[in-house]
Amino acid sequence: MVRQPGDEWHCGEVLHAFDGRGVVRVYEYVEGAVLLERLDPGTSLATLALNGRDEEATQILADVIRQMPHRHQSLKAFATVQDWGKGFERYLVSDDKQISIDLVEQGQWSSPDNCSD
């Protein structure tokens, strides 16, 4: 359960739109809370990678992403990774210098808008 609106506030709606394709199935949701199916065995990809099975974890992640629909009508109201990537440009033109320019430019170069499909 999420107590205040933020990125996770609509997670139930977002996950429900994928209808179990590449993501956990949603049983019920309201803003700020979602009831999900239990996944078994539930081994995290991070655990695989940290145990020397990084290639296997990467392949699993790629397979999951491949199953997810790329465009879904009901998801248009939500920010995309491309939307988040635009934050690099906003940061570069701001007066905020808490993060090194080199690091921000590296992140910008790696953002989805600059990667080929």
PDB file of N, CA and C in Angstrom:
ATOM      1  N   MET A   1       0.841  -1.170   0.000  1.00  0.00           N
ATOM      2  CA  MET A   1       0.000   0.000   0.000  1.00  0.00           C
ATOM      3  C   MET A   1       0.891   1.240   0.000  1.00  0.00           C
ATOM      4  N   VAL A   2       0.541   2.228  -0.796  1.00  0.00           N
ATOM      5  CA  VAL A   2       1.249   3.493  -0.887  1.00  0.00           C
ATOM      6  C   VAL A   2       0.415   4.539  -0.152  1.00  0.00           C
ATOM      7  N   ARG A   3       1.027   5.281   0.733  1.00  0.00           N
ATOM      8  CA  ARG A   3       0.273   6.221   1.572  1.00  0.00           C
ATOM      9  C   ARG A   3       0.062   7.594   0.931  1.00  0.00           C
ATOM     10  N   GLN A   4       0.946   7.986   0.009  1.00  0.00           N
ATOM     11  CA  GLN A   4       0.819   9.298  -0.633  1.00  0.00           C
ATOM     12  C   GLN A   4       1.002   9.139  -2.138  1.00  0.00           C
ATOM     13  N   PRO A   5       0.294   9.946  -2.917  1.00  0.00           N
ATOM     14  CA  PRO A   5       0.458   9.865  -4.375  1.00  0.00           C
ATOM     15  C   PRO A   5       1.913  10.063  -4.793  1.00  0.00           C
ATOM     16  N   GLY A   6       2.328   9.284  -5.744  1.00  0.00           N
ATOM     17  CA  GLY A   6       3.673   9.347  -6.311  1.00  0.00           C
ATOM     18  C   GLY A   6       3.727   8.392  -7.489  1.00  0.00           C
ATOM     19  N   ASP A   7       4.928   7.990  -7.893  1.00  0.00           N
ATOM     20  CA  ASP A   7       5.081   7.101  -9.052  1.00  0.00           C
ATOM     21  C   ASP A   7       4.322   5.789  -8.892  1.00  0.00           C
ATOM     22  N   GLU A   8       4.235   5.265  -7.664  1.00  0.00           N
ATOM     23  CA  GLU A   8       3.601   3.970  -7.442  1.00  0.00           C
ATOM     24  C   GLU A   8       2.092   4.059  -7.233  1.00  0.00           C
ATOM     25  N   TRP A   9       1.543   5.247  -7.128  1.00  0.00           N
ATOM     26  CA  TRP A   9       0.135   5.445  -6.785  1.00  0.00           C
ATOM     27  C   TRP A   9      -0.808   4.694  -7.727  1.00  0.00           C
ATOM     28  N   HIS A  10      -0.466   4.638  -8.999  1.00  0.00           N
ATOM     29  CA  HIS A  10      -1.312   3.995 -10.009  1.00  0.00           C
ATOM     30  C   HIS A  10      -0.745   2.660 -10.481  1.00  0.00           C
ATOM     31  N   CYS A  11       0.114   2.035  -9.673  1.00  0.00           N
ATOM     32  CA  CYS A  11       0.764   0.796 -10.117  1.00  0.00           C
ATOM     33  C   CYS A  11      -0.249  -0.301 -10.440  1.00  0.00           C
ATOM     34  N   GLY A  12      -1.339  -0.368  -9.707  1.00  0.00           N
ATOM     35  CA  GLY A  12      -2.352  -1.381  -9.993  1.00  0.00           C
ATOM     36  C   GLY A  12      -2.944  -1.212 -11.375  1.00  0.00           C
ATOM     37  N   GLU A  13      -3.258   0.016 -11.728  1.00  0.00           N
ATOM     38  CA  GLU A  13      -3.816   0.302 -13.052  1.00  0.00           C
ATOM     39  C   GLU A  13      -2.815  -0.029 -14.156  1.00  0.00           C
ATOM     40  N   VAL A  14      -1.553   0.335 -13.933  1.00  0.00           N
ATOM     41  CA  VAL A  14      -0.515   0.074 -14.929  1.00  0.00           C
ATOM     42  C   VAL A  14      -0.310  -1.428 -15.098  1.00  0.00           C
ATOM     43  N   LEU A  15      -0.129  -2.156 -14.000  1.00  0.00           N
ATOM     44  CA  LEU A  15       0.076  -3.596 -14.092  1.00  0.00           C
ATOM     45  C   LEU A  15      -1.141  -4.300 -14.696  1.00  0.00           C
ATOM     46  N   HIS A  16      -2.331  -3.854 -14.342  1.00  0.00           N
ATOM     47  CA  HIS A  16      -3.564  -4.448 -14.873  1.00  0.00           C
ATOM     48  C   HIS A  16      -3.625  -4.308 -16.404  1.00  0.00           C
ATOM     49  N   ALA A  17      -3.126  -3.207 -16.925  1.00  0.00           N
ATOM     50  CA  ALA A  17      -3.169  -2.975 -18.376  1.00  0.00           C
ATOM     51  C   ALA A  17      -2.338  -4.010 -19.137  1.00  0.00           C
ATOM     52  N   PHE A  18      -1.305  -4.566 -18.511  1.00  0.00           N
ATOM     53  CA  PHE A  18      -0.478  -5.577 -19.177  1.00  0.00           C
ATOM     54  C   PHE A  18      -1.132  -6.958 -19.148  1.00  0.00           C
ATOM     55  N   ASP A  19      -2.178  -7.119 -18.340  1.00  0.00           N
ATOM     56  CA  ASP A  19      -2.976  -8.349 -18.299  1.00  0.00           C
ATOM     57  C   ASP A  19      -2.114  -9.603 -18.124  1.00  0.00           C
ATOM     58  N   GLY A  20      -1.096  -9.509 -17.270  1.00  0.00           N
ATOM     59  CA  GLY A  20      -0.261 -10.670 -16.988  1.00  0.00           C
ATOM     60  C   GLY A  20       0.779 -10.988 -18.039  1.00  0.00           C
ATOM     61  N   ARG A  21       0.875 -10.207 -19.099  1.00  0.00           N
ATOM     62  CA  ARG A  21       1.873 -10.466 -20.148  1.00  0.00           C
ATOM     63  C   ARG A  21       3.192  -9.825 -19.743  1.00  0.00           C
ATOM     64  N   GLY A  22       4.082 -10.637 -19.197  1.00  0.00           N
ATOM     65  CA  GLY A  22       5.387 -10.167 -18.778  1.00  0.00           C
ATOM     66  C   GLY A  22       5.415  -9.613 -17.364  1.00  0.00           C
ATOM     67  N   VAL A  23       4.281  -9.471 -16.740  1.00  0.00           N
ATOM     68  CA  VAL A  23       4.223  -8.936 -15.379  1.00  0.00           C
ATOM     69  C   VAL A  23       3.253  -9.773 -14.545  1.00  0.00           C
ATOM     70  N   VAL A  24       3.314  -9.574 -13.257  1.00  0.00           N
ATOM     71  CA  VAL A  24       2.428 -10.262 -12.331  1.00  0.00           C
ATOM     72  C   VAL A  24       0.969  -9.895 -12.630  1.00  0.00           C
ATOM     73  N   ARG A  25       0.055 -10.822 -12.409  1.00  0.00           N
ATOM     74  CA  ARG A  25      -1.377 -10.552 -12.614  1.00  0.00           C
ATOM     75  C   ARG A  25      -1.937  -9.768 -11.439  1.00  0.00           C
ATOM     76  N   VAL A  26      -2.884  -8.907 -11.754  1.00  0.00           N
ATOM     77  CA  VAL A  26      -3.534  -8.073 -10.746  1.00  0.00           C
ATOM     78  C   VAL A  26      -4.918  -8.651 -10.467  1.00  0.00           C
ATOM     79  N   TYR A  27      -5.218  -8.886  -9.187  1.00  0.00           N
ATOM     80  CA  TYR A  27      -6.559  -9.361  -8.815  1.00  0.00           C
ATOM     81  C   TYR A  27      -7.501  -8.184  -8.604  1.00  0.00           C
ATOM     82  N   GLU A  28      -7.063  -7.209  -7.839  1.00  0.00           N
ATOM     83  CA  GLU A  28      -7.860  -6.005  -7.590  1.00  0.00           C
ATOM     84  C   GLU A  28      -6.917  -4.846  -7.335  1.00  0.00           C
ATOM     85  N   TYR A  29      -7.418  -3.633  -7.599  1.00  0.00           N
ATOM     86  CA  TYR A  29      -6.610  -2.455  -7.281  1.00  0.00           C
ATOM     87  C   TYR A  29      -7.502  -1.250  -7.040  1.00  0.00           C
ATOM     88  N   VAL A  30      -6.985  -0.335  -6.249  1.00  0.00           N
ATOM     89  CA  VAL A  30      -7.524   1.007  -6.049  1.00  0.00           C
ATOM     90  C   VAL A  30      -6.305   1.909  -6.011  1.00  0.00           C
ATOM     91  N   GLU A  31      -6.513   3.200  -6.094  1.00  0.00           N
ATOM     92  CA  GLU A  31      -5.365   4.112  -6.044  1.00  0.00           C
ATOM     93  C   GLU A  31      -4.594   3.874  -4.754  1.00  0.00           C
ATOM     94  N   GLY A  32      -3.304   3.609  -4.896  1.00  0.00           N
ATOM     95  CA  GLY A  32      -2.443   3.437  -3.740  1.00  0.00           C
ATOM     96  C   GLY A  32      -2.344   2.021  -3.202  1.00  0.00           C
ATOM     97  N   ALA A  33      -3.122   1.084  -3.735  1.00  0.00           N
ATOM     98  CA  ALA A  33      -3.059  -0.295  -3.244  1.00  0.00           C
ATOM     99  C   ALA A  33      -3.385  -1.270  -4.371  1.00  0.00           C
ATOM    100  N   VAL A  34      -2.743  -2.433  -4.323  1.00  0.00           N
ATOM    101  CA  VAL A  34      -2.972  -3.442  -5.359  1.00  0.00           C
ATOM    102  C   VAL A  34      -2.814  -4.827  -4.735  1.00  0.00           C
ATOM    103  N   LEU A  35      -3.674  -5.753  -5.136  1.00  0.00           N
ATOM    104  CA  LEU A  35      -3.594  -7.145  -4.720  1.00  0.00           C
ATOM    105  C   LEU A  35      -3.077  -7.936  -5.918  1.00  0.00           C
ATOM    106  N   LEU A  36      -1.898  -8.551  -5.755  1.00  0.00           N
ATOM    107  CA  LEU A  36      -1.225  -9.241  -6.846  1.00  0.00           C
ATOM    108  C   LEU A  36      -1.216 -10.748  -6.626  1.00  0.00           C
ATOM    109  N   GLU A  37      -1.079 -11.492  -7.733  1.00  0.00           N
ATOM    110  CA  GLU A  37      -0.899 -12.927  -7.607  1.00  0.00           C
ATOM    111  C   GLU A  37       0.460 -13.198  -6.961  1.00  0.00           C
ATOM    112  N   ARG A  38       0.566 -14.339  -6.323  1.00  0.00           N
ATOM    113  CA  ARG A  38       1.832 -14.742  -5.717  1.00  0.00           C
ATOM    114  C   ARG A  38       2.684 -15.410  -6.790  1.00  0.00           C
ATOM    115  N   LEU A  39       3.934 -14.986  -6.878  1.00  0.00           N
ATOM    116  CA  LEU A  39       4.849 -15.582  -7.841  1.00  0.00           C
ATOM    117  C   LEU A  39       5.738 -16.598  -7.141  1.00  0.00           C
ATOM    118  N   ASP A  40       5.908 -17.748  -7.765  1.00  0.00           N
ATOM    119  CA  ASP A  40       6.711 -18.797  -7.172  1.00  0.00           C
ATOM    120  C   ASP A  40       7.613 -19.357  -8.250  1.00  0.00           C
ATOM    121  N   PRO A  41       8.910 -19.419  -8.153  1.00  0.00           N
ATOM    122  CA  PRO A  41       9.655 -19.392  -6.920  1.00  0.00           C
ATOM    123  C   PRO A  41       9.954 -17.990  -6.390  1.00  0.00           C
ATOM    124  N   GLY A  42       9.869 -16.992  -7.208  1.00  0.00           N
ATOM    125  CA  GLY A  42      10.068 -15.638  -6.722  1.00  0.00           C
ATOM    126  C   GLY A  42      11.521 -15.256  -6.494  1.00  0.00           C
ATOM    127  N   THR A  43      12.446 -15.897  -7.145  1.00  0.00           N
ATOM    128  CA  THR A  43      13.861 -15.548  -7.025  1.00  0.00           C
ATOM    129  C   THR A  43      14.106 -14.243  -7.767  1.00  0.00           C
ATOM    130  N   SER A  44      14.720 -13.286  -7.099  1.00  0.00           N
ATOM    131  CA  SER A  44      14.949 -11.993  -7.742  1.00  0.00           C
ATOM    132  C   SER A  44      16.090 -12.077  -8.749  1.00  0.00           C
ATOM    133  N   LEU A  45      16.017 -11.245  -9.772  1.00  0.00           N
ATOM    134  CA  LEU A  45      17.084 -11.187 -10.762  1.00  0.00           C
ATOM    135  C   LEU A  45      18.373 -10.687 -10.135  1.00  0.00           C
ATOM    136  N   ALA A  46      18.254  -9.799  -9.165  1.00  0.00           N
ATOM    137  CA  ALA A  46      19.444  -9.296  -8.473  1.00  0.00           C
ATOM    138  C   ALA A  46      20.174 -10.448  -7.777  1.00  0.00           C
ATOM    139  N   THR A  47      19.424 -11.358  -7.162  1.00  0.00           N
ATOM    140  CA  THR A  47      20.037 -12.510  -6.499  1.00  0.00           C
ATOM    141  C   THR A  47      20.782 -13.376  -7.509  1.00  0.00           C
ATOM    142  N   LEU A  48      20.170 -13.616  -8.665  1.00  0.00           N
ATOM    143  CA  LEU A  48      20.854 -14.382  -9.712  1.00  0.00           C
ATOM    144  C   LEU A  48      22.157 -13.696 -10.111  1.00  0.00           C
ATOM    145  N   ALA A  49      22.083 -12.395 -10.395  1.00  0.00           N
ATOM    146  CA  ALA A  49      23.259 -11.653 -10.848  1.00  0.00           C
ATOM    147  C   ALA A  49      24.361 -11.656  -9.793  1.00  0.00           C
ATOM    148  N   LEU A  50      23.990 -11.444  -8.539  1.00  0.00           N
ATOM    149  CA  LEU A  50      24.978 -11.412  -7.457  1.00  0.00           C
ATOM    150  C   LEU A  50      25.609 -12.776  -7.197  1.00  0.00           C
ATOM    151  N   ASN A  51      24.947 -13.827  -7.672  1.00  0.00           N
ATOM    152  CA  ASN A  51      25.481 -15.184  -7.515  1.00  0.00           C
ATOM    153  C   ASN A  51      26.181 -15.677  -8.780  1.00  0.00           C
ATOM    154  N   GLY A  52      26.630 -14.735  -9.617  1.00  0.00           N
ATOM    155  CA  GLY A  52      27.401 -15.097 -10.795  1.00  0.00           C
ATOM    156  C   GLY A  52      26.582 -15.549 -11.981  1.00  0.00           C
ATOM    157  N   ARG A  53      25.278 -15.304 -11.957  1.00  0.00           N
ATOM    158  CA  ARG A  53      24.400 -15.744 -13.049  1.00  0.00           C
ATOM    159  C   ARG A  53      23.816 -14.528 -13.774  1.00  0.00           C
ATOM    160  N   ASP A  54      24.654 -13.526 -14.014  1.00  0.00           N
ATOM    161  CA  ASP A  54      24.219 -12.279 -14.617  1.00  0.00           C
ATOM    162  C   ASP A  54      23.651 -12.484 -16.020  1.00  0.00           C
ATOM    163  N   GLU A  55      24.281 -13.325 -16.826  1.00  0.00           N
ATOM    164  CA  GLU A  55      23.774 -13.552 -18.178  1.00  0.00           C
ATOM    165  C   GLU A  55      22.382 -14.172 -18.146  1.00  0.00           C
ATOM    166  N   GLU A  56      22.161 -15.094 -17.220  1.00  0.00           N
ATOM    167  CA  GLU A  56      20.839 -15.720 -17.083  1.00  0.00           C
ATOM    168  C   GLU A  56      19.808 -14.676 -16.655  1.00  0.00           C
ATOM    169  N   ALA A  57      20.166 -13.828 -15.697  1.00  0.00           N
ATOM    170  CA  ALA A  57      19.251 -12.784 -15.229  1.00  0.00           C
ATOM    171  C   ALA A  57      18.921 -11.816 -16.360  1.00  0.00           C
ATOM    172  N   THR A  58      19.911 -11.456 -17.149  1.00  0.00           N
ATOM    173  CA  THR A  58      19.699 -10.543 -18.270  1.00  0.00           C
ATOM    174  C   THR A  58      18.781 -11.168 -19.312  1.00  0.00           C
ATOM    175  N   GLN A  59      18.962 -12.458 -19.587  1.00  0.00           N
ATOM    176  CA  GLN A  59      18.106 -13.147 -20.554  1.00  0.00           C
ATOM    177  C   GLN A  59      16.662 -13.213 -20.065  1.00  0.00           C
ATOM    178  N   ILE A  60      16.480 -13.482 -18.775  1.00  0.00           N
ATOM    179  CA  ILE A  60      15.128 -13.525 -18.206  1.00  0.00           C
ATOM    180  C   ILE A  60      14.469 -12.157 -18.345  1.00  0.00           C
ATOM    181  N   LEU A  61      15.198 -11.107 -18.009  1.00  0.00           N
ATOM    182  CA  LEU A  61      14.663  -9.746 -18.117  1.00  0.00           C
ATOM    183  C   LEU A  61      14.277  -9.431 -19.563  1.00  0.00           C
ATOM    184  N   ALA A  62      15.135  -9.789 -20.505  1.00  0.00           N
ATOM    185  CA  ALA A  62      14.829  -9.541 -21.920  1.00  0.00           C
ATOM    186  C   ALA A  62      13.583 -10.305 -22.352  1.00  0.00           C
ATOM    187  N   ASP A  63      13.436 -11.551 -21.893  1.00  0.00           N
ATOM    188  CA  ASP A  63      12.242 -12.347 -22.229  1.00  0.00           C
ATOM    189  C   ASP A  63      10.980 -11.718 -21.662  1.00  0.00           C
ATOM    190  N   VAL A  64      11.058 -11.213 -20.435  1.00  0.00           N
ATOM    191  CA  VAL A  64       9.902 -10.568 -19.803  1.00  0.00           C
ATOM    192  C   VAL A  64       9.507  -9.313 -20.574  1.00  0.00           C
ATOM    193  N   ILE A  65      10.481  -8.484 -20.900  1.00  0.00           N
ATOM    194  CA  ILE A  65      10.206  -7.250 -21.638  1.00  0.00           C
ATOM    195  C   ILE A  65       9.592  -7.567 -22.994  1.00  0.00           C
ATOM    196  N   ARG A  66      10.080  -8.622 -23.641  1.00  0.00           N
ATOM    197  CA  ARG A  66       9.559  -9.015 -24.955  1.00  0.00           C
ATOM    198  C   ARG A  66       8.073  -9.396 -24.873  1.00  0.00           C
ATOM    199  N   GLN A  67       7.638  -9.951 -23.749  1.00  0.00           N
ATOM    200  CA  GLN A  67       6.238 -10.353 -23.570  1.00  0.00           C
ATOM    201  C   GLN A  67       5.313  -9.165 -23.330  1.00  0.00           C
ATOM    202  N   MET A  68       5.854  -8.079 -22.840  1.00  0.00           N
ATOM    203  CA  MET A  68       5.028  -6.920 -22.489  1.00  0.00           C
ATOM    204  C   MET A  68       4.598  -6.175 -23.749  1.00  0.00           C
ATOM    205  N   PRO A  69       3.325  -5.800 -23.835  1.00  0.00           N
ATOM    206  CA  PRO A  69       2.903  -5.003 -24.996  1.00  0.00           C
ATOM    207  C   PRO A  69       3.631  -3.660 -24.983  1.00  0.00           C
ATOM    208  N   HIS A  70       4.031  -3.200 -26.147  1.00  0.00           N
ATOM    209  CA  HIS A  70       4.797  -1.956 -26.231  1.00  0.00           C
ATOM    210  C   HIS A  70       3.929  -0.714 -26.102  1.00  0.00           C
ATOM    211  N   ARG A  71       2.740  -0.767 -26.585  1.00  0.00           N
ATOM    212  CA  ARG A  71       1.834   0.377 -26.508  1.00  0.00           C
ATOM    213  C   ARG A  71       0.484  -0.122 -26.020  1.00  0.00           C
ATOM    214  N   HIS A  72      -0.037   0.523 -25.057  1.00  0.00           N
ATOM    215  CA  HIS A  72      -1.355   0.129 -24.552  1.00  0.00           C
ATOM    216  C   HIS A  72      -2.170   1.390 -24.369  1.00  0.00           C
ATOM    217  N   GLN A  73      -3.339   1.428 -24.937  1.00  0.00           N
ATOM    218  CA  GLN A  73      -4.191   2.616 -24.944  1.00  0.00           C
ATOM    219  C   GLN A  73      -4.376   3.223 -23.556  1.00  0.00           C
ATOM    220  N   SER A  74      -4.652   2.388 -22.549  1.00  0.00           N
ATOM    221  CA  SER A  74      -4.959   2.919 -21.223  1.00  0.00           C
ATOM    222  C   SER A  74      -3.729   3.461 -20.497  1.00  0.00           C
ATOM    223  N   LEU A  75      -2.527   3.229 -21.030  1.00  0.00           N
ATOM    224  CA  LEU A  75      -1.313   3.695 -20.363  1.00  0.00           C
ATOM    225  C   LEU A  75      -0.854   5.071 -20.850  1.00  0.00           C
ATOM    226  N   LYS A  76      -1.550   5.669 -21.789  1.00  0.00           N
ATOM    227  CA  LYS A  76      -1.118   6.948 -22.342  1.00  0.00           C
ATOM    228  C   LYS A  76      -1.062   8.064 -21.315  1.00  0.00           C
ATOM    229  N   ALA A  77      -1.810   7.957 -20.230  1.00  0.00           N
ATOM    230  CA  ALA A  77      -1.847   9.013 -19.213  1.00  0.00           C
ATOM    231  C   ALA A  77      -0.630   8.980 -18.293  1.00  0.00           C
ATOM    232  N   PHE A  78       0.205   7.954 -18.392  1.00  0.00           N
ATOM    233  CA  PHE A  78       1.325   7.801 -17.473  1.00  0.00           C
ATOM    234  C   PHE A  78       2.642   8.166 -18.133  1.00  0.00           C
ATOM    235  N   ALA A  79       3.583   8.611 -17.317  1.00  0.00           N
ATOM    236  CA  ALA A  79       4.915   8.965 -17.806  1.00  0.00           C
ATOM    237  C   ALA A  79       5.619   7.719 -18.339  1.00  0.00           C
ATOM    238  N   THR A  80       6.345   7.898 -19.422  1.00  0.00           N
ATOM    239  CA  THR A  80       7.122   6.814 -20.012  1.00  0.00           C
ATOM    240  C   THR A  80       8.587   6.983 -19.636  1.00  0.00           C
ATOM    241  N   VAL A  81       9.374   5.986 -19.939  1.00  0.00           N
ATOM    242  CA  VAL A  81      10.813   6.087 -19.726  1.00  0.00           C
ATOM    243  C   VAL A  81      11.367   7.238 -20.574  1.00  0.00           C
ATOM    244  N   GLN A  82      10.805   7.426 -21.767  1.00  0.00           N
ATOM    245  CA  GLN A  82      11.243   8.538 -22.613  1.00  0.00           C
ATOM    246  C   GLN A  82      10.950   9.877 -21.929  1.00  0.00           C
ATOM    247  N   ASP A  83       9.788   9.981 -21.275  1.00  0.00           N
ATOM    248  CA  ASP A  83       9.465  11.208 -20.534  1.00  0.00           C
ATOM    249  C   ASP A  83      10.495  11.459 -19.445  1.00  0.00           C
ATOM    250  N   TRP A  84      10.841  10.411 -18.704  1.00  0.00           N
ATOM    251  CA  TRP A  84      11.840  10.557 -17.641  1.00  0.00           C
ATOM    252  C   TRP A  84      13.195  10.967 -18.223  1.00  0.00           C
ATOM    253  N   GLY A  85      13.524  10.411 -19.404  1.00  0.00           N
ATOM    254  CA  GLY A  85      14.800  10.731 -20.038  1.00  0.00           C
ATOM    255  C   GLY A  85      14.940  12.204 -20.382  1.00  0.00           C
ATOM    256  N   LYS A  86      13.828  12.890 -20.602  1.00  0.00           N
ATOM    257  CA  LYS A  86      13.873  14.324 -20.913  1.00  0.00           C
ATOM    258  C   LYS A  86      14.385  15.135 -19.732  1.00  0.00           C
ATOM    259  N   GLY A  87      14.389  14.542 -18.556  1.00  0.00           N
ATOM    260  CA  GLY A  87      14.899  15.223 -17.367  1.00  0.00           C
ATOM    261  C   GLY A  87      16.383  15.547 -17.468  1.00  0.00           C
ATOM    262  N   PHE A  88      17.133  14.780 -18.275  1.00  0.00           N
ATOM    263  CA  PHE A  88      18.555  15.072 -18.436  1.00  0.00           C
ATOM    264  C   PHE A  88      18.748  16.456 -19.053  1.00  0.00           C
ATOM    265  N   GLU A  89      17.996  16.733 -20.120  1.00  0.00           N
ATOM    266  CA  GLU A  89      18.105  18.038 -20.784  1.00  0.00           C
ATOM    267  C   GLU A  89      17.674  19.155 -19.841  1.00  0.00           C
ATOM    268  N   ARG A  90      16.582  18.942 -19.117  1.00  0.00           N
ATOM    269  CA  ARG A  90      16.130  19.961 -18.156  1.00  0.00           C
ATOM    270  C   ARG A  90      17.206  20.231 -17.103  1.00  0.00           C
ATOM    271  N   TYR A  91      17.864  19.179 -16.649  1.00  0.00           N
ATOM    272  CA  TYR A  91      18.906  19.363 -15.644  1.00  0.00           C
ATOM    273  C   TYR A  91      20.091  20.134 -16.227  1.00  0.00           C
ATOM    274  N   LEU A  92      20.491  19.802 -17.450  1.00  0.00           N
ATOM    275  CA  LEU A  92      21.648  20.458 -18.064  1.00  0.00           C
ATOM    276  C   LEU A  92      21.441  21.960 -18.252  1.00  0.00           C
ATOM    277  N   VAL A  93      20.209  22.399 -18.483  1.00  0.00           N
ATOM    278  CA  VAL A  93      19.961  23.834 -18.675  1.00  0.00           C
ATOM    279  C   VAL A  93      19.601  24.536 -17.362  1.00  0.00           C
ATOM    280  N   SER A  94      19.540  23.778 -16.275  1.00  0.00           N
ATOM    281  CA  SER A  94      19.229  24.385 -14.974  1.00  0.00           C
ATOM    282  C   SER A  94      20.514  24.902 -14.328  1.00  0.00           C
ATOM    283  N   ASP A  95      20.351  25.606 -13.231  1.00  0.00           N
ATOM    284  CA  ASP A  95      21.504  26.090 -12.467  1.00  0.00           C
ATOM    285  C   ASP A  95      21.971  25.073 -11.427  1.00  0.00           C
ATOM    286  N   ASP A  96      21.293  23.953 -11.333  1.00  0.00           N
ATOM    287  CA  ASP A  96      21.626  22.917 -10.350  1.00  0.00           C
ATOM    288  C   ASP A  96      22.895  22.202 -10.793  1.00  0.00           C
ATOM    289  N   LYS A  97      23.905  22.160  -9.940  1.00  0.00           N
ATOM    290  CA  LYS A  97      25.178  21.513 -10.287  1.00  0.00           C
ATOM    291  C   LYS A  97      25.545  20.438  -9.258  1.00  0.00           C
ATOM    292  N   GLN A  98      24.540  19.840  -8.606  1.00  0.00           N
ATOM    293  CA  GLN A  98      24.809  18.817  -7.595  1.00  0.00           C
ATOM    294  C   GLN A  98      25.359  17.534  -8.220  1.00  0.00           C
ATOM    295  N   ILE A  99      25.024  17.302  -9.482  1.00  0.00           N
ATOM    296  CA  ILE A  99      25.491  16.116 -10.202  1.00  0.00           C
ATOM    297  C   ILE A  99      26.439  16.594 -11.289  1.00  0.00           C
ATOM    298  N   SER A 100      27.567  15.900 -11.447  1.00  0.00           N
ATOM    299  CA  SER A 100      28.555  16.342 -12.438  1.00  0.00           C
ATOM    300  C   SER A 100      27.941  16.338 -13.839  1.00  0.00           C
ATOM    301  N   ILE A 101      28.313  17.337 -14.618  1.00  0.00           N
ATOM    302  CA  ILE A 101      27.810  17.465 -15.989  1.00  0.00           C
ATOM    303  C   ILE A 101      28.163  16.221 -16.797  1.00  0.00           C
ATOM    304  N   ASP A 102      29.388  15.690 -16.617  1.00  0.00           N
ATOM    305  CA  ASP A 102      29.796  14.482 -17.347  1.00  0.00           C
ATOM    306  C   ASP A 102      28.857  13.312 -17.077  1.00  0.00           C
ATOM    307  N   LEU A 103      28.472  13.144 -15.808  1.00  0.00           N
ATOM    308  CA  LEU A 103      27.581  12.042 -15.450  1.00  0.00           C
ATOM    309  C   LEU A 103      26.189  12.234 -16.052  1.00  0.00           C
ATOM    310  N   VAL A 104      25.685  13.470 -16.016  1.00  0.00           N
ATOM    311  CA  VAL A 104      24.362  13.750 -16.592  1.00  0.00           C
ATOM    312  C   VAL A 104      24.397  13.528 -18.101  1.00  0.00           C
ATOM    313  N   GLU A 105      25.450  13.981 -18.760  1.00  0.00           N
ATOM    314  CA  GLU A 105      25.562  13.783 -20.210  1.00  0.00           C
ATOM    315  C   GLU A 105      25.673  12.306 -20.560  1.00  0.00           C
ATOM    316  N   GLN A 106      26.371  11.536 -19.733  1.00  0.00           N
ATOM    317  CA  GLN A 106      26.464  10.092 -19.963  1.00  0.00           C
ATOM    318  C   GLN A 106      25.088   9.455 -19.832  1.00  0.00           C
ATOM    319  N   GLY A 107      24.327   9.853 -18.827  1.00  0.00           N
ATOM    320  CA  GLY A 107      22.971   9.345 -18.655  1.00  0.00           C
ATOM    321  C   GLY A 107      22.075   9.748 -19.808  1.00  0.00           C
ATOM    322  N   GLN A 108      22.224  10.976 -20.269  1.00  0.00           N
ATOM    323  CA  GLN A 108      21.427  11.467 -21.391  1.00  0.00           C
ATOM    324  C   GLN A 108      21.747  10.664 -22.648  1.00  0.00           C
ATOM    325  N   TRP A 109      22.996  10.381 -22.866  1.00  0.00           N
ATOM    326  CA  TRP A 109      23.399   9.623 -24.046  1.00  0.00           C
ATOM    327  C   TRP A 109      22.820   8.219 -24.001  1.00  0.00           C
ATOM    328  N   SER A 110      22.656   7.661 -22.785  1.00  0.00           N
ATOM    329  CA  SER A 110      22.158   6.299 -22.628  1.00  0.00           C
ATOM    330  C   SER A 110      20.638   6.232 -22.536  1.00  0.00           C
ATOM    331  N   SER A 111      19.965   7.383 -22.549  1.00  0.00           N
ATOM    332  CA  SER A 111      18.506   7.394 -22.371  1.00  0.00           C
ATOM    333  C   SER A 111      17.824   6.777 -23.586  1.00  0.00           C
ATOM    334  N   PRO A 112      16.573   6.311 -23.415  1.00  0.00           N
ATOM    335  CA  PRO A 112      15.844   5.614 -24.486  1.00  0.00           C
ATOM    336  C   PRO A 112      15.708   6.421 -25.773  1.00  0.00           C
ATOM    337  N   ASP A 113      15.638   7.738 -25.687  1.00  0.00           N
ATOM    338  CA  ASP A 113      15.499   8.537 -26.903  1.00  0.00           C
ATOM    339  C   ASP A 113      16.745   8.485 -27.773  1.00  0.00           C
ATOM    340  N   ASN A 114      17.869   8.125 -27.171  1.00  0.00           N
ATOM    341  CA  ASN A 114      19.136   8.107 -27.900  1.00  0.00           C
ATOM    342  C   ASN A 114      19.613   6.700 -28.219  1.00  0.00           C
ATOM    343  N   CYS A 115      18.823   5.698 -27.912  1.00  0.00           N
ATOM    344  CA  CYS A 115      19.192   4.308 -28.195  1.00  0.00           C
ATOM    345  C   CYS A 115      18.332   3.806 -29.348  1.00  0.00           C
ATOM    346  N   SER A 116      18.947   3.010 -30.206  1.00  0.00           N
ATOM    347  CA  SER A 116      18.164   2.456 -31.325  1.00  0.00           C
ATOM    348  C   SER A 116      17.350   1.277 -30.842  1.00  0.00           C
ATOM    349  N   ASP A 117      16.200   1.057 -31.480  1.00  0.00           N
ATOM    350  CA  ASP A 117      15.324  -0.072 -31.108  1.00  0.00           C
ATOM    351  C   ASP A 117      15.824  -1.368 -31.666  1.00  0.00           C
TER     352      ASP A 117
END
